[in-house]
Amino acid sequence: MPPLWKSDKNYGKYQLWRLPGEYLLNRSELDNVRKIVVKVSTMPIGRTLLLVTFALLVGCASHLPDAIRKAPPDDIQPNTVRHAPDSLRGKPVRWGGHILSLRNLKEETQIEIVTRGLDSDGRPLEDDRSQGRFLAKVNGFVDPTVYEKGREITVSGQVEGVSKQTIGDFQYDYPVVRAEQVHLWEKRASPHPDYYYDPFYSPFWSPWNNPYYPYPGYRPYYRPR
């Protein structure tokens, strides 16, 4: 690869090289470019980016209701309600997990949720530890096309008791919370984007350094081991 810049005696200028073409800059223009590069390189960019990132994170967290972001003092869990529903009726709770099903009734909506632990912002954790299922009762209509199966959700409200229902032939005790705050979380970005990786791709390839020119599409074939 040629140097970034070099003297050109024929034109009395400096050449700033850039593949696949080149740009010509005179001495004063090149000096301006160097001054800009030096000025930018001396700025505390890392510290600035860190402060901006922190401000964005704090700003996003501040939009969450306190009832979603903070656990109540007792932080009662679904298993505790399942074993002592009457003594805990009316107690404040904050639970979350993944939506399993949704049922719209005449005046309310029942959301069946598989519990997960919550992080410091109240978002369900990505693990398999669970305290079973619970029902969140929400006043009014909830759109099932938005609150679809698998979405992460956190609710806060008051314990209403236990609802005995069946899953297949098994009788199951659902802790029930009368939801006062409901937060549907944004879908997480996929950690593995769907793309094809070419093992022979090189960002430095160009027709000028291709030993197989004039066949630019040609690549040597390597037999898999």
C-alpha atoms as a PDB file:
ATOM      1  CA  MET A   1       0.000   0.000   0.000  1.00  0.00           C
ATOM      2  CA  PRO A   2       1.461   3.450  -0.925  1.00  0.00           C
ATOM      3  CA  PRO A   3       2.238   6.004   1.815  1.00  0.00           C
ATOM      4  CA  LEU A   4      -0.431   8.401   3.014  1.00  0.00           C
ATOM      5  CA  TRP A   5       1.356  11.356   1.427  1.00  0.00           C
ATOM      6  CA  LYS A   6       4.572  11.985  -0.491  1.00  0.00           C
ATOM      7  CA  SER A   7       6.273  14.728  -2.437  1.00  0.00           C
ATOM      8  CA  ASP A   8       5.647  14.963  -6.161  1.00  0.00           C
ATOM      9  CA  LYS A   9       8.524  16.778  -7.869  1.00  0.00           C
ATOM     10  CA  ASN A  10       6.750  16.970 -11.226  1.00  0.00           C
ATOM     11  CA  TYR A  11       3.805  18.981  -9.933  1.00  0.00           C
ATOM     12  CA  GLY A  12       5.367  20.705  -6.936  1.00  0.00           C
ATOM     13  CA  LYS A  13       2.487  19.467  -4.766  1.00  0.00           C
ATOM     14  CA  TYR A  14       1.843  16.886  -2.144  1.00  0.00           C
ATOM     15  CA  GLN A  15      -0.272  13.884  -2.984  1.00  0.00           C
ATOM     16  CA  LEU A  16      -2.749  12.499  -0.461  1.00  0.00           C
ATOM     17  CA  TRP A  17      -3.281   8.908  -1.574  1.00  0.00           C
ATOM     18  CA  ARG A  18      -6.548   7.094  -1.186  1.00  0.00           C
ATOM     19  CA  LEU A  19      -7.489   3.800  -2.800  1.00  0.00           C
ATOM     20  CA  PRO A  20      -8.805   3.215  -5.402  1.00  0.00           C
ATOM     21  CA  GLY A  21      -8.063   6.811  -6.551  1.00  0.00           C
ATOM     22  CA  GLU A  22      -5.973   9.722  -5.358  1.00  0.00           C
ATOM     23  CA  TYR A  23      -6.508  13.380  -4.417  1.00  0.00           C
ATOM     24  CA  LEU A  24      -4.003  16.193  -4.953  1.00  0.00           C
ATOM     25  CA  LEU A  25      -3.470  18.767  -2.194  1.00  0.00           C
ATOM     26  CA  ASN A  26      -1.077  21.674  -2.241  1.00  0.00           C
ATOM     27  CA  ARG A  27       1.237  22.390   0.696  1.00  0.00           C
ATOM     28  CA  SER A  28      -1.067  24.848   2.504  1.00  0.00           C
ATOM     29  CA  GLU A  29      -4.065  22.562   2.197  1.00  0.00           C
ATOM     30  CA  LEU A  30      -2.053  19.638   3.483  1.00  0.00           C
ATOM     31  CA  ASP A  31      -0.851  21.704   6.459  1.00  0.00           C
ATOM     32  CA  ASN A  32      -4.484  22.528   7.294  1.00  0.00           C
ATOM     33  CA  VAL A  33      -5.338  18.852   7.213  1.00  0.00           C
ATOM     34  CA  ARG A  34      -2.457  18.090   9.579  1.00  0.00           C
ATOM     35  CA  LYS A  35      -3.548  20.831  11.997  1.00  0.00           C
ATOM     36  CA  ILE A  36      -7.085  19.446  12.112  1.00  0.00           C
ATOM     37  CA  VAL A  37      -5.814  15.904  12.723  1.00  0.00           C
ATOM     38  CA  VAL A  38      -3.539  17.072  15.548  1.00  0.00           C
ATOM     39  CA  LYS A  39      -6.306  19.138  17.140  1.00  0.00           C
ATOM     40  CA  VAL A  40      -8.804  16.287  17.078  1.00  0.00           C
ATOM     41  CA  SER A  41      -6.249  13.777  18.370  1.00  0.00           C
ATOM     42  CA  THR A  42      -5.514  15.918  21.431  1.00  0.00           C
ATOM     43  CA  MET A  43      -9.177  16.207  22.467  1.00  0.00           C
ATOM     44  CA  PRO A  44     -10.363  13.992  25.344  1.00  0.00           C
ATOM     45  CA  ILE A  45     -12.583  12.036  22.987  1.00  0.00           C
ATOM     46  CA  GLY A  46     -12.779   8.974  25.193  1.00  0.00           C
ATOM     47  CA  ARG A  47     -13.896  10.985  28.209  1.00  0.00           C
ATOM     48  CA  THR A  48     -16.443  12.912  26.117  1.00  0.00           C
ATOM     49  CA  LEU A  49     -17.936   9.732  24.661  1.00  0.00           C
ATOM     50  CA  LEU A  50     -18.132   8.202  28.126  1.00  0.00           C
ATOM     51  CA  LEU A  51     -19.996  11.216  29.504  1.00  0.00           C
ATOM     52  CA  VAL A  52     -22.401  11.278  26.543  1.00  0.00           C
ATOM     53  CA  THR A  53     -23.093   7.545  26.866  1.00  0.00           C
ATOM     54  CA  PHE A  54     -23.703   7.872  30.598  1.00  0.00           C
ATOM     55  CA  ALA A  55     -26.074  10.808  30.040  1.00  0.00           C
ATOM     56  CA  LEU A  56     -28.052   8.824  27.468  1.00  0.00           C
ATOM     57  CA  LEU A  57     -28.337   5.830  29.778  1.00  0.00           C
ATOM     58  CA  VAL A  58     -29.454   7.993  32.686  1.00  0.00           C
ATOM     59  CA  GLY A  59     -31.943   9.775  30.438  1.00  0.00           C
ATOM     60  CA  CYS A  60     -33.446   6.491  29.250  1.00  0.00           C
ATOM     61  CA  ALA A  61     -33.733   5.168  32.792  1.00  0.00           C
ATOM     62  CA  SER A  62     -35.324   8.397  34.039  1.00  0.00           C
ATOM     63  CA  HIS A  63     -38.303   7.898  31.699  1.00  0.00           C
ATOM     64  CA  LEU A  64     -39.294   4.728  33.561  1.00  0.00           C
ATOM     65  CA  PRO A  65     -41.902   5.106  36.297  1.00  0.00           C
ATOM     66  CA  ASP A  66     -40.507   4.631  39.785  1.00  0.00           C
ATOM     67  CA  ALA A  67     -42.942   1.792  40.365  1.00  0.00           C
ATOM     68  CA  ILE A  68     -41.293  -0.100  37.479  1.00  0.00           C
ATOM     69  CA  ARG A  69     -37.688   0.884  38.161  1.00  0.00           C
ATOM     70  CA  LYS A  70     -37.740   0.409  41.934  1.00  0.00           C
ATOM     71  CA  ALA A  71     -38.946  -2.575  43.912  1.00  0.00           C
ATOM     72  CA  PRO A  72     -41.346  -1.971  46.842  1.00  0.00           C
ATOM     73  CA  PRO A  73     -39.820  -2.189  50.335  1.00  0.00           C
ATOM     74  CA  ASP A  74     -40.911  -5.773  51.042  1.00  0.00           C
ATOM     75  CA  ASP A  75     -40.302  -6.985  47.447  1.00  0.00           C
ATOM     76  CA  ILE A  76     -42.773  -9.856  47.793  1.00  0.00           C
ATOM     77  CA  GLN A  77     -42.236 -12.629  45.231  1.00  0.00           C
ATOM     78  CA  PRO A  78     -44.849 -14.783  43.443  1.00  0.00           C
ATOM     79  CA  ASN A  79     -43.969 -17.957  45.366  1.00  0.00           C
ATOM     80  CA  THR A  80     -44.615 -16.150  48.657  1.00  0.00           C
ATOM     81  CA  VAL A  81     -48.076 -15.074  47.456  1.00  0.00           C
ATOM     82  CA  ARG A  82     -48.791 -18.586  46.213  1.00  0.00           C
ATOM     83  CA  HIS A  83     -48.331 -19.996  49.707  1.00  0.00           C
ATOM     84  CA  ALA A  84     -50.014 -17.207  51.700  1.00  0.00           C
ATOM     85  CA  PRO A  85     -52.424 -15.317  49.415  1.00  0.00           C
ATOM     86  CA  ASP A  86     -54.903 -14.117  52.044  1.00  0.00           C
ATOM     87  CA  SER A  87     -52.336 -12.512  54.346  1.00  0.00           C
ATOM     88  CA  LEU A  88     -50.674 -10.683  51.444  1.00  0.00           C
ATOM     89  CA  ARG A  89     -53.777  -9.369  49.705  1.00  0.00           C
ATOM     90  CA  GLY A  90     -53.405  -5.675  48.879  1.00  0.00           C
ATOM     91  CA  LYS A  91     -49.613  -5.660  49.292  1.00  0.00           C
ATOM     92  CA  PRO A  92     -47.577  -3.801  46.622  1.00  0.00           C
ATOM     93  CA  VAL A  93     -45.492  -5.942  44.276  1.00  0.00           C
ATOM     94  CA  ARG A  94     -43.378  -5.535  41.173  1.00  0.00           C
ATOM     95  CA  TRP A  95     -43.033  -8.581  38.945  1.00  0.00           C
ATOM     96  CA  GLY A  96     -41.881  -9.180  35.414  1.00  0.00           C
ATOM     97  CA  GLY A  97     -41.111 -11.794  32.815  1.00  0.00           C
ATOM     98  CA  HIS A  98     -42.190 -12.961  29.369  1.00  0.00           C
ATOM     99  CA  ILE A  99     -45.748 -12.854  28.070  1.00  0.00           C
ATOM    100  CA  LEU A 100     -47.188 -16.329  27.592  1.00  0.00           C
ATOM    101  CA  SER A 101     -50.767 -15.493  26.654  1.00  0.00           C
ATOM    102  CA  LEU A 102     -53.311 -12.682  26.736  1.00  0.00           C
ATOM    103  CA  ARG A 103     -57.049 -12.800  27.231  1.00  0.00           C
ATOM    104  CA  ASN A 104     -59.337  -9.838  26.609  1.00  0.00           C
ATOM    105  CA  LEU A 105     -62.473  -9.822  28.786  1.00  0.00           C
ATOM    106  CA  LYS A 106     -65.380  -7.387  28.849  1.00  0.00           C
ATOM    107  CA  GLU A 107     -63.827  -4.819  31.189  1.00  0.00           C
ATOM    108  CA  GLU A 108     -60.256  -6.012  31.705  1.00  0.00           C
ATOM    109  CA  THR A 109     -57.401  -7.968  30.173  1.00  0.00           C
ATOM    110  CA  GLN A 110     -55.612 -10.883  31.822  1.00  0.00           C
ATOM    111  CA  ILE A 111     -51.968 -11.343  30.855  1.00  0.00           C
ATOM    112  CA  GLU A 112     -50.322 -14.665  31.674  1.00  0.00           C
ATOM    113  CA  ILE A 113     -46.631 -14.099  32.399  1.00  0.00           C
ATOM    114  CA  VAL A 114     -43.717 -16.444  33.071  1.00  0.00           C
ATOM    115  CA  THR A 115     -41.706 -14.806  35.839  1.00  0.00           C
ATOM    116  CA  ARG A 116     -38.063 -13.823  35.550  1.00  0.00           C
ATOM    117  CA  GLY A 117     -35.733 -12.003  37.891  1.00  0.00           C
ATOM    118  CA  LEU A 118     -35.413  -8.247  37.300  1.00  0.00           C
ATOM    119  CA  ASP A 119     -32.314  -6.133  36.802  1.00  0.00           C
ATOM    120  CA  SER A 120     -31.606  -2.761  38.441  1.00  0.00           C
ATOM    121  CA  ASP A 121     -33.997  -0.988  36.027  1.00  0.00           C
ATOM    122  CA  GLY A 122     -36.783  -3.523  36.474  1.00  0.00           C
ATOM    123  CA  ARG A 123     -36.242  -5.313  33.162  1.00  0.00           C
ATOM    124  CA  PRO A 124     -36.525  -9.131  33.101  1.00  0.00           C
ATOM    125  CA  LEU A 125     -33.209 -10.942  33.090  1.00  0.00           C
ATOM    126  CA  GLU A 126     -32.187 -13.235  30.264  1.00  0.00           C
ATOM    127  CA  ASP A 127     -31.957 -16.493  32.192  1.00  0.00           C
ATOM    128  CA  ASP A 128     -34.082 -19.565  32.868  1.00  0.00           C
ATOM    129  CA  ARG A 129     -34.618 -19.030  36.591  1.00  0.00           C
ATOM    130  CA  SER A 130     -38.307 -18.569  37.268  1.00  0.00           C
ATOM    131  CA  GLN A 131     -40.895 -18.664  40.044  1.00  0.00           C
ATOM    132  CA  GLY A 132     -43.557 -19.994  37.716  1.00  0.00           C
ATOM    133  CA  ARG A 133     -46.443 -18.105  36.193  1.00  0.00           C
ATOM    134  CA  PHE A 134     -48.648 -15.290  37.383  1.00  0.00           C
ATOM    135  CA  LEU A 135     -51.600 -13.301  36.088  1.00  0.00           C
ATOM    136  CA  ALA A 136     -51.608  -9.547  35.653  1.00  0.00           C
ATOM    137  CA  LYS A 137     -55.063  -7.968  35.462  1.00  0.00           C
ATOM    138  CA  VAL A 138     -55.125  -4.730  33.493  1.00  0.00           C
ATOM    139  CA  ASN A 139     -58.174  -2.488  33.263  1.00  0.00           C
ATOM    140  CA  GLY A 140     -59.508  -2.043  29.745  1.00  0.00           C
ATOM    141  CA  PHE A 141     -58.331  -3.433  26.422  1.00  0.00           C
ATOM    142  CA  VAL A 142     -54.770  -4.514  25.682  1.00  0.00           C
ATOM    143  CA  ASP A 143     -53.879  -5.139  22.037  1.00  0.00           C
ATOM    144  CA  PRO A 144     -52.615  -8.734  21.595  1.00  0.00           C
ATOM    145  CA  THR A 145     -50.745  -7.793  18.407  1.00  0.00           C
ATOM    146  CA  VAL A 146     -48.540  -5.465  20.466  1.00  0.00           C
ATOM    147  CA  TYR A 147     -48.368  -7.431  23.713  1.00  0.00           C
ATOM    148  CA  GLU A 148     -47.511 -10.584  21.842  1.00  0.00           C
ATOM    149  CA  LYS A 149     -46.158 -13.864  23.141  1.00  0.00           C
ATOM    150  CA  GLY A 150     -42.524 -13.745  24.202  1.00  0.00           C
ATOM    151  CA  ARG A 151     -42.325  -9.972  24.789  1.00  0.00           C
ATOM    152  CA  GLU A 152     -40.689  -8.799  28.010  1.00  0.00           C
ATOM    153  CA  ILE A 153     -42.989  -7.027  30.441  1.00  0.00           C
ATOM    154  CA  THR A 154     -42.857  -5.596  33.958  1.00  0.00           C
ATOM    155  CA  VAL A 155     -45.925  -4.758  36.035  1.00  0.00           C
ATOM    156  CA  SER A 156     -46.463  -3.208  39.437  1.00  0.00           C
ATOM    157  CA  GLY A 157     -49.613  -3.163  41.492  1.00  0.00           C
ATOM    158  CA  GLN A 158     -51.333  -4.889  44.395  1.00  0.00           C
ATOM    159  CA  VAL A 159     -51.760  -8.542  45.208  1.00  0.00           C
ATOM    160  CA  GLU A 160     -55.297  -9.708  44.502  1.00  0.00           C
ATOM    161  CA  GLY A 161     -54.933 -13.316  45.589  1.00  0.00           C
ATOM    162  CA  VAL A 162     -54.529 -16.632  43.802  1.00  0.00           C
ATOM    163  CA  SER A 163     -56.510 -17.974  40.830  1.00  0.00           C
ATOM    164  CA  LYS A 164     -56.792 -21.750  40.487  1.00  0.00           C
ATOM    165  CA  GLN A 165     -56.713 -22.792  36.824  1.00  0.00           C
ATOM    166  CA  THR A 166     -55.646 -25.836  34.855  1.00  0.00           C
ATOM    167  CA  ILE A 167     -52.664 -26.327  32.559  1.00  0.00           C
ATOM    168  CA  GLY A 168     -53.527 -29.478  30.677  1.00  0.00           C
ATOM    169  CA  ASP A 169     -54.763 -31.798  33.425  1.00  0.00           C
ATOM    170  CA  PHE A 170     -52.739 -30.075  36.149  1.00  0.00           C
ATOM    171  CA  GLN A 171     -54.356 -27.625  38.556  1.00  0.00           C
ATOM    172  CA  TYR A 172     -52.150 -24.576  38.864  1.00  0.00           C
ATOM    173  CA  ASP A 173     -52.220 -21.736  41.379  1.00  0.00           C
ATOM    174  CA  TYR A 174     -51.653 -18.391  39.666  1.00  0.00           C
ATOM    175  CA  PRO A 175     -50.659 -15.451  41.893  1.00  0.00           C
ATOM    176  CA  VAL A 176     -52.718 -12.483  40.693  1.00  0.00           C
ATOM    177  CA  VAL A 177     -51.666  -8.834  40.647  1.00  0.00           C
ATOM    178  CA  ARG A 178     -54.016  -5.943  39.896  1.00  0.00           C
ATOM    179  CA  ALA A 179     -51.656  -3.962  37.643  1.00  0.00           C
ATOM    180  CA  GLU A 180     -51.396  -0.207  38.142  1.00  0.00           C
ATOM    181  CA  GLN A 181     -48.266   0.285  36.025  1.00  0.00           C
ATOM    182  CA  VAL A 182     -47.404  -1.816  32.961  1.00  0.00           C
ATOM    183  CA  HIS A 183     -44.194  -1.466  30.965  1.00  0.00           C
ATOM    184  CA  LEU A 184     -43.628  -3.363  27.721  1.00  0.00           C
ATOM    185  CA  TRP A 185     -39.909  -3.435  26.949  1.00  0.00           C
ATOM    186  CA  GLU A 186     -38.375  -2.828  23.552  1.00  0.00           C
ATOM    187  CA  LYS A 187     -37.281  -5.953  21.724  1.00  0.00           C
ATOM    188  CA  ARG A 188     -33.648  -6.797  22.257  1.00  0.00           C
ATOM    189  CA  ALA A 189     -31.290  -6.564  19.295  1.00  0.00           C
ATOM    190  CA  SER A 190     -30.222  -9.898  17.891  1.00  0.00           C
ATOM    191  CA  PRO A 191     -26.684 -10.734  19.069  1.00  0.00           C
ATOM    192  CA  HIS A 192     -26.024 -12.758  15.902  1.00  0.00           C
ATOM    193  CA  PRO A 193     -26.907 -10.826  12.732  1.00  0.00           C
ATOM    194  CA  ASP A 194     -27.845 -12.994   9.782  1.00  0.00           C
ATOM    195  CA  TYR A 195     -25.105 -12.412   7.244  1.00  0.00           C
ATOM    196  CA  TYR A 196     -22.753 -14.470   5.118  1.00  0.00           C
ATOM    197  CA  TYR A 197     -19.058 -14.341   5.937  1.00  0.00           C
ATOM    198  CA  ASP A 198     -16.683 -14.763   3.006  1.00  0.00           C
ATOM    199  CA  PRO A 199     -13.458 -16.324   4.363  1.00  0.00           C
ATOM    200  CA  PHE A 200     -11.508 -14.989   1.340  1.00  0.00           C
ATOM    201  CA  TYR A 201     -12.736 -11.380   1.650  1.00  0.00           C
ATOM    202  CA  SER A 202     -10.085  -8.728   2.183  1.00  0.00           C
ATOM    203  CA  PRO A 203     -10.805  -4.994   2.687  1.00  0.00           C
ATOM    204  CA  PHE A 204      -7.432  -4.250   1.048  1.00  0.00           C
ATOM    205  CA  TRP A 205      -8.195  -6.014  -2.238  1.00  0.00           C
ATOM    206  CA  SER A 206      -8.306  -3.923  -5.394  1.00  0.00           C
ATOM    207  CA  PRO A 207      -7.758  -4.547  -9.113  1.00  0.00           C
ATOM    208  CA  TRP A 208      -4.339  -2.844  -8.843  1.00  0.00           C
ATOM    209  CA  ASN A 209      -2.919  -5.440  -6.449  1.00  0.00           C
ATOM    210  CA  ASN A 210      -4.739  -8.484  -7.847  1.00  0.00           C
ATOM    211  CA  PRO A 211      -2.163 -10.977  -9.165  1.00  0.00           C
ATOM    212  CA  TYR A 212      -4.895 -12.614 -11.237  1.00  0.00           C
ATOM    213  CA  TYR A 213      -5.731  -9.436 -13.208  1.00  0.00           C
ATOM    214  CA  PRO A 214      -7.422  -9.121 -15.771  1.00  0.00           C
ATOM    215  CA  TYR A 215      -9.714 -11.660 -14.069  1.00  0.00           C
ATOM    216  CA  PRO A 216     -10.923  -9.509 -11.090  1.00  0.00           C
ATOM    217  CA  GLY A 217     -13.510 -12.040  -9.949  1.00  0.00           C
ATOM    218  CA  TYR A 218     -11.000 -14.869  -9.768  1.00  0.00           C
ATOM    219  CA  ARG A 219      -9.887 -16.218  -6.405  1.00  0.00           C
ATOM    220  CA  PRO A 220      -7.734 -19.250  -5.668  1.00  0.00           C
ATOM    221  CA  TYR A 221      -9.737 -22.272  -4.541  1.00  0.00           C
ATOM    222  CA  TYR A 222      -8.828 -23.822  -1.206  1.00  0.00           C
ATOM    223  CA  ARG A 223     -10.122 -27.316  -0.620  1.00  0.00           C
ATOM    224  CA  PRO A 224     -11.801 -27.685   2.818  1.00  0.00           C
ATOM    225  CA  ARG A 225      -9.852 -29.822   5.230  1.00  0.00           C
END
